[in-house]
Amino acid sequence: MPQSAYSWMGSRVHLVLDDEVADSYNRAQRAFFEAQKHHMDIHGEPWNPTLPLMIHWTPQEEAAFNNMGKVINAMIELNGDGLDIPEDEITSDFLMKL
């Protein structure tokens, strides 16, 4: 599979990823947001991370979502528990192909 450079959330964090992995992550991110909207529609209140959430995604999408979380968490740990990315630098909820 071809690989490309992607910006994480529109920030200066750039990663070289397999294009299908990036596409799977972005689909998973959409499914995550849709699940939160569904929760709000059903329960009348925003979802919070202590509650279960029904996300409809494929095993590939779930793996891409979870593995991206591992990568970002590893970067945070490597940098002493933080990434210096100002909120105004985050311009997207998705991976953006450069």
C-alpha atoms as a PDB file:
ATOM      1  CA  MET A   1       0.000   0.000   0.000  1.00  0.00           C
ATOM      2  CA  PRO A   2       1.188   3.517  -0.694  1.00  0.00           C
ATOM      3  CA  GLN A   3       2.199   5.731   2.183  1.00  0.00           C
ATOM      4  CA  SER A   4       1.889   9.482   2.552  1.00  0.00           C
ATOM      5  CA  ALA A   5       2.639  12.196   5.080  1.00  0.00           C
ATOM      6  CA  TYR A   6      -0.304  13.223   7.264  1.00  0.00           C
ATOM      7  CA  SER A   7      -0.839  15.999   9.736  1.00  0.00           C
ATOM      8  CA  TRP A   8      -2.439  14.885  12.992  1.00  0.00           C
ATOM      9  CA  MET A   9      -5.459  17.115  13.629  1.00  0.00           C
ATOM     10  CA  GLY A  10      -4.063  19.765  11.302  1.00  0.00           C
ATOM     11  CA  SER A  11      -1.145  20.333  13.669  1.00  0.00           C
ATOM     12  CA  ARG A  12       2.605  20.283  13.107  1.00  0.00           C
ATOM     13  CA  VAL A  13       2.694  16.651  14.220  1.00  0.00           C
ATOM     14  CA  HIS A  14       3.362  14.867  10.941  1.00  0.00           C
ATOM     15  CA  LEU A  15       3.393  11.113  10.448  1.00  0.00           C
ATOM     16  CA  VAL A  16       4.120   8.876   7.494  1.00  0.00           C
ATOM     17  CA  LEU A  17       1.213   6.447   7.319  1.00  0.00           C
ATOM     18  CA  ASP A  18      -0.154   3.841   4.999  1.00  0.00           C
ATOM     19  CA  ASP A  19      -2.963   5.600   3.116  1.00  0.00           C
ATOM     20  CA  GLU A  20      -5.468   2.872   4.030  1.00  0.00           C
ATOM     21  CA  VAL A  21      -4.566   3.181   7.723  1.00  0.00           C
ATOM     22  CA  ALA A  22      -5.133   6.951   7.546  1.00  0.00           C
ATOM     23  CA  ASP A  23      -8.451   6.438   5.742  1.00  0.00           C
ATOM     24  CA  SER A  24      -9.488   3.855   8.355  1.00  0.00           C
ATOM     25  CA  TYR A  25      -8.586   6.258  11.163  1.00  0.00           C
ATOM     26  CA  ASN A  26     -10.617   9.069   9.618  1.00  0.00           C
ATOM     27  CA  ARG A  27     -13.630   6.770   9.139  1.00  0.00           C
ATOM     28  CA  ALA A  28     -13.262   5.630  12.759  1.00  0.00           C
ATOM     29  CA  GLN A  29     -13.110   9.231  13.930  1.00  0.00           C
ATOM     30  CA  ARG A  30     -16.360   9.953  12.056  1.00  0.00           C
ATOM     31  CA  ALA A  31     -17.974   6.853  13.602  1.00  0.00           C
ATOM     32  CA  PHE A  32     -16.832   8.008  17.062  1.00  0.00           C
ATOM     33  CA  PHE A  33     -18.505  11.403  16.566  1.00  0.00           C
ATOM     34  CA  GLU A  34     -21.657   9.777  15.161  1.00  0.00           C
ATOM     35  CA  ALA A  35     -21.836   7.480  18.205  1.00  0.00           C
ATOM     36  CA  GLN A  36     -21.620  10.513  20.502  1.00  0.00           C
ATOM     37  CA  LYS A  37     -24.421  12.229  18.573  1.00  0.00           C
ATOM     38  CA  HIS A  38     -26.520   9.066  18.797  1.00  0.00           C
ATOM     39  CA  HIS A  39     -25.922   8.950  22.555  1.00  0.00           C
ATOM     40  CA  MET A  40     -27.122  12.559  22.844  1.00  0.00           C
ATOM     41  CA  ASP A  41     -30.218  11.798  20.731  1.00  0.00           C
ATOM     42  CA  ILE A  42     -31.114   8.763  22.862  1.00  0.00           C
ATOM     43  CA  HIS A  43     -30.190  10.013  26.337  1.00  0.00           C
ATOM     44  CA  GLY A  44     -30.626  13.771  25.990  1.00  0.00           C
ATOM     45  CA  GLU A  45     -27.196  14.485  27.428  1.00  0.00           C
ATOM     46  CA  PRO A  46     -23.651  14.474  26.091  1.00  0.00           C
ATOM     47  CA  TRP A  47     -21.686  11.251  26.331  1.00  0.00           C
ATOM     48  CA  ASN A  48     -18.910  11.198  28.900  1.00  0.00           C
ATOM     49  CA  PRO A  49     -15.986   8.773  28.839  1.00  0.00           C
ATOM     50  CA  THR A  50     -17.150   6.907  31.960  1.00  0.00           C
ATOM     51  CA  LEU A  51     -20.174   5.599  30.012  1.00  0.00           C
ATOM     52  CA  PRO A  52     -20.245   2.886  27.352  1.00  0.00           C
ATOM     53  CA  LEU A  53     -20.552   4.079  23.769  1.00  0.00           C
ATOM     54  CA  MET A  54     -21.814   2.011  20.835  1.00  0.00           C
ATOM     55  CA  ILE A  55     -19.452   2.725  17.943  1.00  0.00           C
ATOM     56  CA  HIS A  56     -20.105   1.070  14.604  1.00  0.00           C
ATOM     57  CA  TRP A  57     -16.720   0.487  12.999  1.00  0.00           C
ATOM     58  CA  THR A  58     -14.786  -2.272  11.306  1.00  0.00           C
ATOM     59  CA  PRO A  59     -11.912  -4.101  12.995  1.00  0.00           C
ATOM     60  CA  GLN A  60      -9.519  -2.153  10.733  1.00  0.00           C
ATOM     61  CA  GLU A  61     -11.048   1.173  11.739  1.00  0.00           C
ATOM     62  CA  GLU A  62     -10.941   0.269  15.431  1.00  0.00           C
ATOM     63  CA  ALA A  63      -7.294  -0.829  15.127  1.00  0.00           C
ATOM     64  CA  ALA A  64      -6.329   2.384  13.313  1.00  0.00           C
ATOM     65  CA  PHE A  65      -8.116   4.509  15.943  1.00  0.00           C
ATOM     66  CA  ASN A  66      -6.553   2.645  18.880  1.00  0.00           C
ATOM     67  CA  ASN A  67      -3.079   2.505  17.340  1.00  0.00           C
ATOM     68  CA  MET A  68      -3.105   6.236  16.590  1.00  0.00           C
ATOM     69  CA  GLY A  69      -3.975   6.792  20.236  1.00  0.00           C
ATOM     70  CA  LYS A  70      -0.979   4.657  21.220  1.00  0.00           C
ATOM     71  CA  VAL A  71       1.316   6.701  18.972  1.00  0.00           C
ATOM     72  CA  ILE A  72       0.107  10.038  20.338  1.00  0.00           C
ATOM     73  CA  ASN A  73       0.247   8.763  23.928  1.00  0.00           C
ATOM     74  CA  ALA A  74       3.805   7.501  23.337  1.00  0.00           C
ATOM     75  CA  MET A  75       4.792  10.955  22.036  1.00  0.00           C
ATOM     76  CA  ILE A  76       3.255  12.560  25.121  1.00  0.00           C
ATOM     77  CA  GLU A  77       5.149  10.169  27.405  1.00  0.00           C
ATOM     78  CA  LEU A  78       8.384  10.639  25.476  1.00  0.00           C
ATOM     79  CA  ASN A  79       8.079  14.405  25.919  1.00  0.00           C
ATOM     80  CA  GLY A  80       7.549  14.275  29.669  1.00  0.00           C
ATOM     81  CA  ASP A  81       3.772  14.073  29.753  1.00  0.00           C
ATOM     82  CA  GLY A  82       2.856  16.693  27.192  1.00  0.00           C
ATOM     83  CA  LEU A  83       2.871  17.960  23.633  1.00  0.00           C
ATOM     84  CA  ASP A  84       3.258  21.695  23.087  1.00  0.00           C
ATOM     85  CA  ILE A  85       0.440  22.052  20.591  1.00  0.00           C
ATOM     86  CA  PRO A  86      -1.693  25.144  21.158  1.00  0.00           C
ATOM     87  CA  GLU A  87      -5.439  24.710  20.702  1.00  0.00           C
ATOM     88  CA  ASP A  88      -5.472  27.191  17.797  1.00  0.00           C
ATOM     89  CA  GLU A  89      -3.048  24.910  15.933  1.00  0.00           C
ATOM     90  CA  ILE A  90      -5.590  22.092  15.914  1.00  0.00           C
ATOM     91  CA  THR A  91      -7.604  22.830  12.802  1.00  0.00           C
ATOM     92  CA  SER A  92      -9.194  19.442  12.158  1.00  0.00           C
ATOM     93  CA  ASP A  93     -10.497  16.377  13.938  1.00  0.00           C
ATOM     94  CA  PHE A  94      -8.997  14.189  11.216  1.00  0.00           C
ATOM     95  CA  LEU A  95      -5.683  13.229   9.711  1.00  0.00           C
ATOM     96  CA  MET A  96      -4.911  15.594   6.853  1.00  0.00           C
ATOM     97  CA  LYS A  97      -2.861  14.382   3.901  1.00  0.00           C
ATOM     98  CA  LEU A  98       0.008  16.768   3.197  1.00  0.00           C
END
